[in-house]
Structures are given as C-alpha cells and as structure tokens.
Amino acid sequence: MAVTRTTQPLGRRDRRVDRAAWTPTLGPGMVLGALATIGLVVAMFMPWRTGGVHPSGIPFAFLFDSGTTAQDPSILLALIPMAVLLAVGTVMPRASAARLVGAIGTIAVVVLFTIQLNSQLDKLPGSSVGDVLDTGYYVAAIAAVVGLVSGLMPSGWTRRVRTETYVEDPQQVNLDQPRV
C-alpha cells in the first residue's frame, strides 16, 4: 500500500543583512604580538652590552661598520619603528604583515649588532660575543622571534555578520500570486 503525504509549502524565506563589522577577539597572533611589542620596548631600556651600554649609546652606523666613530643617531632609530609596527600589527585587523615586518626588522638589527660586535671582539684574543652581551640583547632577540611567530598566527579579529532570517506563515501566503 502506498502512503501519500500531503505537505504544505513552507512559504517564502527572506534574509536581511543588518551590519557587517570587525570585532576583536583574543587570538594567538594578537597575544603574541602584544608580548613581542612589550618585550621590544622593555629591551630598549635595558643594557645590551656589559658595562651598561644601552641601545641609546650604540650608534646606528655600528650596525654596518664596526670601526665607526659616529655617536648619533643610535640604534633606537631602527628599534622604535619596529616596535610601532609590532604594535600596529597587533591592534589592527588583518595586519599580520605589519607584525612580520616589525619582527624581521628587529631580527636584522639584532643580527647586525651581533656580527659587528663579533668583528670587534675578533681583535681581542680569548673573548667571545656571549661574554659581552647583556640582558637587553636577549630580550630583544626573543621579542623578535615571538613577533615573527605572531605574524604567522591568526590575529583574532573576526568579521561578524548579523543576519535575520524569517519565514512567513504558509497559511497566510498565497503562492499563486507573484511577490512584489
């Protein structure tokens, strides 16, 4: 015996998008970016070499010439923009590229500093770079690596679309008449 079902039409469905907006959520890229920014800013106030040599006392020209006699400007000329890029990449939606650029720039400063310091220490027998580096250097290097990782992680900003879907009552809909 065949069973027949009678179904009523469901009616018409309408979908209306009210608003689409970016909403901040706490994502891993945002957290790591904030840690990298804070770490780099803290490293700017800590000594990078034994003897209390801070980044403000290291000339920018030293990154390219270990025998420089220049005193100004300091390597803060490179570190401050990198910290700004890390911060902007942390708070702006879809700006992980800014975190990457800030981290790569910081890595470049740290590596160039190490190379030039090693070049100077090669002239002194029995000395090594690890003996003269201080805490600020390591904090900056760690902040750069954390910033690099944060640039590869989702930042946490999500696009939220609020929609309303409503169905008209099939008892009140005349499906034979076109809808205007």
N, C-alpha and C. Protein backbone atom coordinates (compact mmCIF):
# COMPACT_ATOMS: atom_id res chain seq x y z
N MET A 1 0.84 -1.15 0.00
CA MET A 1 0.00 0.00 0.00
C MET A 1 0.90 1.23 0.00
N ALA A 2 0.61 2.14 -0.84
CA ALA A 2 1.39 3.37 -0.99
C ALA A 2 0.89 4.41 0.00
N VAL A 3 1.82 5.03 0.63
CA VAL A 3 1.49 6.08 1.58
C VAL A 3 1.69 7.42 0.89
N THR A 4 0.69 8.22 0.96
CA THR A 4 0.81 9.55 0.36
C THR A 4 0.84 10.57 1.48
N ARG A 5 1.72 11.54 1.29
CA ARG A 5 1.82 12.61 2.27
C ARG A 5 1.41 13.90 1.61
N THR A 6 0.77 14.66 2.34
CA THR A 6 0.45 16.00 1.84
C THR A 6 1.25 16.97 2.68
N THR A 7 2.02 17.74 2.00
CA THR A 7 2.81 18.74 2.70
C THR A 7 2.40 20.11 2.21
N GLN A 8 2.41 21.00 3.12
CA GLN A 8 2.10 22.37 2.73
C GLN A 8 3.39 23.09 2.41
N PRO A 9 3.34 24.02 1.50
CA PRO A 9 4.54 24.78 1.19
C PRO A 9 5.00 25.57 2.43
N LEU A 10 6.30 25.72 2.54
CA LEU A 10 6.86 26.39 3.71
C LEU A 10 6.71 27.90 3.67
N GLY A 11 6.44 28.46 2.57
CA GLY A 11 6.37 29.91 2.47
C GLY A 11 7.67 30.46 1.91
N ARG A 12 7.79 31.72 1.94
CA ARG A 12 8.97 32.37 1.40
C ARG A 12 9.92 32.73 2.52
N ARG A 13 11.18 32.62 2.21
CA ARG A 13 12.21 32.97 3.19
C ARG A 13 12.87 34.26 2.74
N ASP A 14 13.08 35.13 3.69
CA ASP A 14 13.79 36.37 3.42
C ASP A 14 14.99 36.44 4.34
N ARG A 15 16.06 36.96 3.80
CA ARG A 15 17.28 37.13 4.59
C ARG A 15 17.74 38.57 4.43
N ARG A 16 17.98 39.20 5.54
CA ARG A 16 18.42 40.58 5.50
C ARG A 16 19.69 40.70 6.35
N VAL A 17 20.72 41.30 5.77
CA VAL A 17 21.96 41.52 6.50
C VAL A 17 21.89 42.90 7.09
N ASP A 18 21.95 42.95 8.42
CA ASP A 18 21.88 44.24 9.09
C ASP A 18 23.20 44.99 9.00
N ARG A 19 24.26 44.33 9.43
CA ARG A 19 25.53 45.04 9.55
C ARG A 19 26.67 44.04 9.56
N ALA A 20 27.74 44.41 8.93
CA ALA A 20 28.94 43.60 8.98
C ALA A 20 30.03 44.45 9.62
N ALA A 21 30.71 43.92 10.62
CA ALA A 21 31.73 44.69 11.33
C ALA A 21 32.83 43.77 11.83
N TRP A 22 34.00 44.37 12.04
CA TRP A 22 35.12 43.65 12.63
C TRP A 22 34.98 43.72 14.14
N THR A 23 35.11 42.61 14.78
CA THR A 23 35.06 42.60 16.24
C THR A 23 36.33 41.96 16.77
N PRO A 24 36.91 42.59 17.78
CA PRO A 24 38.13 42.00 18.34
C PRO A 24 37.83 40.81 19.23
N THR A 25 38.54 39.75 18.98
CA THR A 25 38.51 38.60 19.87
C THR A 25 39.96 38.29 20.20
N LEU A 26 40.18 37.66 21.28
CA LEU A 26 41.54 37.39 21.73
C LEU A 26 42.09 36.19 20.97
N GLY A 27 42.95 36.47 20.00
CA GLY A 27 43.56 35.41 19.19
C GLY A 27 45.02 35.23 19.52
N PRO A 28 45.62 34.14 19.08
CA PRO A 28 47.03 33.89 19.41
C PRO A 28 47.98 34.90 18.80
N GLY A 29 47.69 35.37 17.60
CA GLY A 29 48.55 36.37 16.98
C GLY A 29 48.53 37.69 17.73
N MET A 30 47.35 38.05 18.23
CA MET A 30 47.21 39.28 18.99
C MET A 30 47.97 39.19 20.31
N VAL A 31 47.85 38.08 20.99
CA VAL A 31 48.53 37.90 22.28
C VAL A 31 50.05 37.90 22.09
N LEU A 32 50.53 37.12 21.13
CA LEU A 32 51.97 37.05 20.89
C LEU A 32 52.51 38.38 20.36
N GLY A 33 51.73 39.07 19.55
CA GLY A 33 52.14 40.39 19.07
C GLY A 33 52.28 41.39 20.20
N ALA A 34 51.34 41.34 21.15
CA ALA A 34 51.43 42.24 22.31
C ALA A 34 52.66 41.90 23.16
N LEU A 35 52.93 40.61 23.35
CA LEU A 35 54.11 40.21 24.12
C LEU A 35 55.40 40.65 23.42
N ALA A 36 55.44 40.52 22.10
CA ALA A 36 56.63 40.93 21.35
C ALA A 36 56.83 42.44 21.43
N THR A 37 55.75 43.19 21.33
CA THR A 37 55.84 44.65 21.42
C THR A 37 56.35 45.07 22.79
N ILE A 38 55.77 44.50 23.83
CA ILE A 38 56.19 44.84 25.20
C ILE A 38 57.65 44.44 25.40
N GLY A 39 58.03 43.26 24.92
CA GLY A 39 59.41 42.80 25.07
C GLY A 39 60.40 43.71 24.38
N LEU A 40 60.06 44.18 23.18
CA LEU A 40 60.98 45.06 22.45
C LEU A 40 61.10 46.42 23.13
N VAL A 41 59.99 46.94 23.62
CA VAL A 41 60.03 48.23 24.32
C VAL A 41 60.85 48.11 25.60
N VAL A 42 60.69 47.02 26.33
CA VAL A 42 61.48 46.81 27.55
C VAL A 42 62.96 46.67 27.20
N ALA A 43 63.27 45.98 26.11
CA ALA A 43 64.67 45.79 25.70
C ALA A 43 65.34 47.11 25.35
N MET A 44 64.57 48.11 24.93
CA MET A 44 65.15 49.41 24.61
C MET A 44 65.69 50.13 25.84
N PHE A 45 65.21 49.76 27.01
CA PHE A 45 65.63 50.40 28.25
C PHE A 45 66.64 49.57 29.04
N MET A 46 66.99 48.41 28.52
CA MET A 46 67.93 47.52 29.20
C MET A 46 69.29 47.58 28.51
N PRO A 47 70.36 47.27 29.23
CA PRO A 47 71.68 47.26 28.59
C PRO A 47 71.83 46.07 27.64
N TRP A 48 72.50 46.34 26.51
CA TRP A 48 72.72 45.30 25.51
C TRP A 48 74.12 44.72 25.60
N ARG A 49 75.04 45.46 26.19
CA ARG A 49 76.41 45.00 26.34
C ARG A 49 76.85 45.19 27.78
N THR A 50 77.79 44.38 28.23
CA THR A 50 78.30 44.55 29.58
C THR A 50 78.93 45.93 29.71
N GLY A 51 78.88 46.44 30.90
CA GLY A 51 79.36 47.80 31.11
C GLY A 51 78.23 48.80 31.04
N GLY A 52 77.00 48.33 30.95
CA GLY A 52 75.84 49.22 30.94
C GLY A 52 75.64 49.97 29.64
N VAL A 53 75.96 49.36 28.52
CA VAL A 53 75.77 50.00 27.22
C VAL A 53 74.33 49.74 26.75
N HIS A 54 73.54 50.82 26.74
CA HIS A 54 72.14 50.74 26.32
C HIS A 54 72.03 51.01 24.82
N PRO A 55 70.89 50.68 24.20
CA PRO A 55 70.72 50.95 22.77
C PRO A 55 70.87 52.43 22.42
N SER A 56 70.56 53.31 23.36
CA SER A 56 70.73 54.74 23.07
C SER A 56 72.20 55.13 22.98
N GLY A 57 73.09 54.29 23.47
CA GLY A 57 74.53 54.56 23.41
C GLY A 57 75.23 53.83 22.27
N ILE A 58 74.49 53.07 21.49
CA ILE A 58 75.08 52.33 20.36
C ILE A 58 74.72 53.07 19.08
N PRO A 59 75.70 53.58 18.35
CA PRO A 59 75.38 54.33 17.13
C PRO A 59 74.78 53.44 16.04
N PHE A 60 73.88 54.01 15.28
CA PHE A 60 73.23 53.29 14.19
C PHE A 60 74.27 52.83 13.16
N ALA A 61 75.29 53.62 12.94
CA ALA A 61 76.33 53.29 11.97
C ALA A 61 77.10 52.03 12.38
N PHE A 62 77.07 51.68 13.66
CA PHE A 62 77.76 50.48 14.13
C PHE A 62 77.17 49.21 13.50
N LEU A 63 75.90 49.24 13.13
CA LEU A 63 75.28 48.07 12.52
C LEU A 63 75.91 47.72 11.18
N PHE A 64 76.58 48.70 10.55
CA PHE A 64 77.16 48.47 9.23
C PHE A 64 78.68 48.62 9.21
N ASP A 65 79.26 49.24 10.25
CA ASP A 65 80.69 49.46 10.29
C ASP A 65 81.16 49.38 11.73
N SER A 66 81.90 48.33 12.05
CA SER A 66 82.32 48.13 13.45
C SER A 66 83.37 49.13 13.89
N GLY A 67 84.00 49.81 12.97
CA GLY A 67 85.03 50.78 13.32
C GLY A 67 84.54 52.21 13.28
N THR A 68 83.26 52.42 13.33
CA THR A 68 82.72 53.76 13.22
C THR A 68 83.07 54.62 14.43
N THR A 69 83.19 55.91 14.18
CA THR A 69 83.41 56.85 15.27
C THR A 69 82.18 57.71 15.50
N ALA A 70 81.11 57.44 14.77
CA ALA A 70 79.87 58.21 14.92
C ALA A 70 79.24 57.94 16.28
N GLN A 71 78.53 58.90 16.79
CA GLN A 71 77.83 58.75 18.06
C GLN A 71 76.32 58.85 17.91
N ASP A 72 75.86 59.62 16.95
CA ASP A 72 74.42 59.82 16.75
C ASP A 72 74.07 59.48 15.32
N PRO A 73 72.92 59.06 15.02
CA PRO A 73 71.84 58.60 15.88
C PRO A 73 72.11 57.19 16.41
N SER A 74 71.33 56.80 17.37
CA SER A 74 71.53 55.48 17.99
C SER A 74 70.69 54.43 17.26
N ILE A 75 70.84 53.17 17.66
CA ILE A 75 70.06 52.10 17.03
C ILE A 75 68.58 52.18 17.40
N LEU A 76 68.25 53.09 18.30
CA LEU A 76 66.83 53.33 18.57
C LEU A 76 66.12 53.84 17.33
N LEU A 77 66.88 54.42 16.41
CA LEU A 77 66.33 54.87 15.13
C LEU A 77 65.71 53.70 14.36
N ALA A 78 66.21 52.52 14.56
CA ALA A 78 65.66 51.33 13.91
C ALA A 78 64.69 50.59 14.83
N LEU A 79 64.95 50.57 16.13
CA LEU A 79 64.12 49.78 17.04
C LEU A 79 62.74 50.40 17.30
N ILE A 80 62.66 51.72 17.38
CA ILE A 80 61.37 52.35 17.66
C ILE A 80 60.36 52.10 16.54
N PRO A 81 60.72 52.28 15.25
CA PRO A 81 59.75 51.94 14.20
C PRO A 81 59.34 50.46 14.19
N MET A 82 60.26 49.59 14.56
CA MET A 82 59.92 48.16 14.61
C MET A 82 58.90 47.89 15.72
N ALA A 83 59.06 48.56 16.86
CA ALA A 83 58.09 48.42 17.95
C ALA A 83 56.74 48.98 17.54
N VAL A 84 56.74 50.08 16.80
CA VAL A 84 55.48 50.66 16.32
C VAL A 84 54.80 49.70 15.34
N LEU A 85 55.57 49.10 14.44
CA LEU A 85 54.98 48.14 13.50
C LEU A 85 54.40 46.93 14.23
N LEU A 86 55.10 46.44 15.24
CA LEU A 86 54.56 45.32 16.02
C LEU A 86 53.26 45.72 16.71
N ALA A 87 53.22 46.92 17.27
CA ALA A 87 52.01 47.38 17.97
C ALA A 87 50.85 47.57 17.00
N VAL A 88 51.11 48.19 15.86
CA VAL A 88 50.05 48.40 14.87
C VAL A 88 49.54 47.06 14.35
N GLY A 89 50.44 46.14 14.10
CA GLY A 89 50.04 44.82 13.63
C GLY A 89 49.24 44.05 14.67
N THR A 90 49.41 44.41 15.93
CA THR A 90 48.66 43.74 16.99
C THR A 90 47.24 44.27 17.10
N VAL A 91 47.08 45.58 16.99
CA VAL A 91 45.76 46.16 17.26
C VAL A 91 44.90 46.34 16.02
N MET A 92 45.48 46.31 14.83
CA MET A 92 44.69 46.50 13.62
C MET A 92 44.20 45.15 13.07
N PRO A 93 42.99 45.12 12.54
CA PRO A 93 42.51 43.86 11.95
C PRO A 93 43.26 43.52 10.67
N ARG A 94 43.57 42.28 10.52
CA ARG A 94 44.23 41.73 9.33
C ARG A 94 45.55 42.42 9.02
N ALA A 95 46.33 42.74 10.06
CA ALA A 95 47.61 43.42 9.86
C ALA A 95 48.77 42.55 10.31
N SER A 96 48.68 41.27 10.06
CA SER A 96 49.76 40.39 10.47
C SER A 96 51.04 40.67 9.68
N ALA A 97 50.91 41.26 8.50
CA ALA A 97 52.10 41.62 7.72
C ALA A 97 52.93 42.68 8.45
N ALA A 98 52.27 43.57 9.15
CA ALA A 98 53.00 44.59 9.92
C ALA A 98 53.80 43.93 11.05
N ARG A 99 53.21 42.92 11.68
CA ARG A 99 53.95 42.19 12.72
C ARG A 99 55.15 41.48 12.12
N LEU A 100 54.98 40.91 10.95
CA LEU A 100 56.10 40.22 10.28
C LEU A 100 57.23 41.20 9.94
N VAL A 101 56.88 42.35 9.39
CA VAL A 101 57.89 43.33 9.02
C VAL A 101 58.62 43.85 10.26
N GLY A 102 57.86 44.13 11.33
CA GLY A 102 58.48 44.59 12.57
C GLY A 102 59.41 43.54 13.16
N ALA A 103 59.00 42.29 13.12
CA ALA A 103 59.84 41.22 13.67
C ALA A 103 61.08 41.00 12.81
N ILE A 104 60.92 41.00 11.51
CA ILE A 104 62.08 40.80 10.62
C ILE A 104 63.06 41.96 10.76
N GLY A 105 62.56 43.18 10.89
CA GLY A 105 63.43 44.33 11.11
C GLY A 105 64.20 44.23 12.41
N THR A 106 63.52 43.76 13.46
CA THR A 106 64.19 43.59 14.75
C THR A 106 65.24 42.49 14.68
N ILE A 107 64.93 41.42 13.99
CA ILE A 107 65.91 40.35 13.79
C ILE A 107 67.13 40.89 13.05
N ALA A 108 66.90 41.72 12.04
CA ALA A 108 68.01 42.30 11.29
C ALA A 108 68.90 43.15 12.20
N VAL A 109 68.30 43.96 13.07
CA VAL A 109 69.10 44.80 13.98
C VAL A 109 69.91 43.92 14.93
N VAL A 110 69.27 42.89 15.48
CA VAL A 110 69.96 42.01 16.43
C VAL A 110 71.11 41.26 15.75
N VAL A 111 70.87 40.76 14.55
CA VAL A 111 71.90 40.00 13.83
C VAL A 111 73.05 40.92 13.42
N LEU A 112 72.75 42.09 12.89
CA LEU A 112 73.81 43.02 12.50
C LEU A 112 74.63 43.46 13.71
N PHE A 113 73.96 43.68 14.83
CA PHE A 113 74.69 44.05 16.06
C PHE A 113 75.64 42.93 16.47
N THR A 114 75.17 41.70 16.39
CA THR A 114 76.00 40.55 16.76
C THR A 114 77.20 40.41 15.83
N ILE A 115 76.97 40.57 14.54
CA ILE A 115 78.06 40.43 13.57
C ILE A 115 79.13 41.49 13.80
N GLN A 116 78.71 42.74 14.00
CA GLN A 116 79.69 43.81 14.19
C GLN A 116 80.41 43.69 15.53
N LEU A 117 79.69 43.27 16.55
CA LEU A 117 80.33 43.07 17.86
C LEU A 117 81.35 41.94 17.78
N ASN A 118 81.00 40.88 17.08
CA ASN A 118 81.93 39.76 16.88
C ASN A 118 83.17 40.21 16.11
N SER A 119 82.96 41.08 15.13
CA SER A 119 84.08 41.61 14.35
C SER A 119 85.04 42.40 15.24
N GLN A 120 84.50 43.16 16.16
CA GLN A 120 85.36 43.91 17.09
C GLN A 120 86.07 42.97 18.05
N LEU A 121 85.38 41.95 18.52
CA LEU A 121 85.96 41.05 19.52
C LEU A 121 86.97 40.08 18.93
N ASP A 122 86.96 39.91 17.62
CA ASP A 122 87.96 39.04 16.98
C ASP A 122 89.37 39.59 17.18
N LYS A 123 89.47 40.88 17.40
CA LYS A 123 90.79 41.50 17.59
C LYS A 123 91.35 41.22 18.99
N LEU A 124 90.48 40.82 19.91
CA LEU A 124 90.90 40.52 21.28
C LEU A 124 90.97 39.01 21.47
N PRO A 125 92.12 38.46 21.77
CA PRO A 125 92.21 37.00 21.93
C PRO A 125 91.49 36.54 23.21
N GLY A 126 90.81 35.42 23.09
CA GLY A 126 90.14 34.82 24.24
C GLY A 126 88.79 35.44 24.59
N SER A 127 88.25 36.28 23.74
CA SER A 127 86.94 36.88 24.04
C SER A 127 85.90 36.34 23.07
N SER A 128 84.67 36.28 23.54
CA SER A 128 83.59 35.82 22.67
C SER A 128 82.38 36.74 22.83
N VAL A 129 81.50 36.68 21.87
CA VAL A 129 80.33 37.55 21.86
C VAL A 129 79.43 37.25 23.06
N GLY A 130 79.29 35.99 23.40
CA GLY A 130 78.42 35.61 24.52
C GLY A 130 78.87 36.17 25.85
N ASP A 131 80.15 36.48 25.96
CA ASP A 131 80.67 37.03 27.22
C ASP A 131 80.30 38.49 27.42
N VAL A 132 80.07 39.23 26.34
CA VAL A 132 79.84 40.67 26.48
C VAL A 132 78.39 41.08 26.26
N LEU A 133 77.53 40.17 25.82
CA LEU A 133 76.13 40.51 25.63
C LEU A 133 75.41 40.56 26.97
N ASP A 134 74.46 41.48 27.07
CA ASP A 134 73.71 41.64 28.31
C ASP A 134 72.23 41.33 28.06
N THR A 135 71.43 41.47 29.08
CA THR A 135 70.04 41.02 29.09
C THR A 135 69.18 41.67 28.01
N GLY A 136 69.34 42.95 27.76
CA GLY A 136 68.51 43.64 26.78
C GLY A 136 68.62 43.05 25.39
N TYR A 137 69.81 42.62 25.03
CA TYR A 137 70.01 41.99 23.72
C TYR A 137 69.16 40.72 23.61
N TYR A 138 69.21 39.91 24.66
CA TYR A 138 68.46 38.65 24.62
C TYR A 138 66.95 38.88 24.64
N VAL A 139 66.51 39.87 25.39
CA VAL A 139 65.08 40.20 25.42
C VAL A 139 64.63 40.67 24.03
N ALA A 140 65.44 41.48 23.35
CA ALA A 140 65.10 41.94 22.01
C ALA A 140 65.07 40.77 21.02
N ALA A 141 66.03 39.86 21.14
CA ALA A 141 66.07 38.71 20.24
C ALA A 141 64.85 37.81 20.44
N ILE A 142 64.48 37.57 21.70
CA ILE A 142 63.31 36.74 21.98
C ILE A 142 62.04 37.44 21.50
N ALA A 143 61.96 38.75 21.72
CA ALA A 143 60.79 39.51 21.26
C ALA A 143 60.67 39.44 19.74
N ALA A 144 61.80 39.46 19.04
CA ALA A 144 61.76 39.38 17.58
C ALA A 144 61.24 38.02 17.11
N VAL A 145 61.68 36.97 17.75
CA VAL A 145 61.21 35.63 17.37
C VAL A 145 59.72 35.46 17.70
N VAL A 146 59.31 35.95 18.85
CA VAL A 146 57.88 35.88 19.22
C VAL A 146 57.06 36.71 18.24
N GLY A 147 57.57 37.87 17.84
CA GLY A 147 56.87 38.69 16.85
C GLY A 147 56.76 38.00 15.51
N LEU A 148 57.80 37.28 15.12
CA LEU A 148 57.77 36.53 13.86
C LEU A 148 56.71 35.44 13.91
N VAL A 149 56.65 34.73 15.01
CA VAL A 149 55.64 33.68 15.17
C VAL A 149 54.24 34.30 15.19
N SER A 150 54.10 35.45 15.84
CA SER A 150 52.78 36.10 15.91
C SER A 150 52.29 36.53 14.53
N GLY A 151 53.22 36.88 13.64
CA GLY A 151 52.82 37.26 12.30
C GLY A 151 52.31 36.10 11.48
N LEU A 152 52.62 34.89 11.90
CA LEU A 152 52.15 33.70 11.19
C LEU A 152 50.89 33.10 11.80
N MET A 153 50.44 33.68 12.91
CA MET A 153 49.25 33.19 13.60
C MET A 153 48.06 34.10 13.29
N PRO A 154 46.84 33.58 13.40
CA PRO A 154 45.67 34.45 13.21
C PRO A 154 45.59 35.48 14.32
N SER A 155 45.25 36.71 13.94
CA SER A 155 45.30 37.79 14.91
C SER A 155 44.14 37.78 15.88
N GLY A 156 43.02 37.22 15.52
CA GLY A 156 41.90 37.18 16.44
C GLY A 156 40.77 38.10 16.04
N TRP A 157 40.99 38.97 15.06
CA TRP A 157 39.91 39.81 14.59
C TRP A 157 39.01 38.96 13.70
N THR A 158 37.71 39.02 13.94
CA THR A 158 36.77 38.24 13.14
C THR A 158 35.74 39.17 12.54
N ARG A 159 35.26 38.78 11.40
CA ARG A 159 34.20 39.55 10.75
C ARG A 159 32.87 38.98 11.21
N ARG A 160 32.09 39.82 11.80
CA ARG A 160 30.80 39.39 12.33
C ARG A 160 29.71 39.94 11.44
N VAL A 161 28.84 39.07 10.98
CA VAL A 161 27.70 39.47 10.17
C VAL A 161 26.45 39.09 10.95
N ARG A 162 25.68 40.08 11.26
CA ARG A 162 24.44 39.82 11.97
C ARG A 162 23.32 39.75 10.94
N THR A 163 22.65 38.63 10.89
CA THR A 163 21.59 38.43 9.91
C THR A 163 20.30 38.08 10.62
N GLU A 164 19.25 38.37 9.95
CA GLU A 164 17.94 37.97 10.44
C GLU A 164 17.26 37.17 9.34
N THR A 165 16.79 36.01 9.67
CA THR A 165 16.06 35.18 8.72
C THR A 165 14.68 34.95 9.30
N TYR A 166 13.70 35.22 8.51
CA TYR A 166 12.35 34.98 8.99
C TYR A 166 11.55 34.32 7.88
N VAL A 167 10.61 33.50 8.30
CA VAL A 167 9.79 32.72 7.39
C VAL A 167 8.35 33.18 7.56
N GLU A 168 7.75 33.47 6.44
CA GLU A 168 6.34 33.86 6.50
C GLU A 168 5.49 32.62 6.76
N ASP A 169 4.39 32.79 7.43
CA ASP A 169 3.49 31.70 7.76
C ASP A 169 2.87 31.15 6.48
N PRO A 170 3.01 29.83 6.21
CA PRO A 170 2.50 29.28 4.96
C PRO A 170 0.98 29.36 4.86
N GLN A 171 0.30 29.50 5.95
CA GLN A 171 -1.15 29.59 5.90
C GLN A 171 -1.59 30.94 5.33
N GLN A 172 -0.74 31.96 5.48
CA GLN A 172 -1.13 33.29 5.04
C GLN A 172 -0.50 33.68 3.71
N VAL A 173 0.30 32.83 3.12
CA VAL A 173 0.99 33.16 1.89
C VAL A 173 0.21 32.57 0.73
N ASN A 174 -0.08 33.39 -0.24
CA ASN A 174 -0.71 32.93 -1.46
C ASN A 174 0.41 32.72 -2.47
N LEU A 175 0.79 31.49 -2.71
CA LEU A 175 1.91 31.19 -3.56
C LEU A 175 1.59 31.37 -5.04
N ASP A 176 0.32 31.57 -5.36
CA ASP A 176 -0.05 31.74 -6.76
C ASP A 176 0.16 33.16 -7.22
N GLN A 177 0.22 34.11 -6.32
CA GLN A 177 0.41 35.50 -6.71
C GLN A 177 1.89 35.86 -6.62
N PRO A 178 2.37 36.57 -7.62
CA PRO A 178 3.79 36.99 -7.56
C PRO A 178 4.01 38.00 -6.44
N ARG A 179 5.17 37.96 -5.92
CA ARG A 179 5.53 38.84 -4.82
C ARG A 179 6.17 40.11 -5.38
N VAL A 180 5.81 41.22 -4.90
CA VAL A 180 6.33 42.47 -5.42
C VAL A 180 7.43 42.99 -4.53
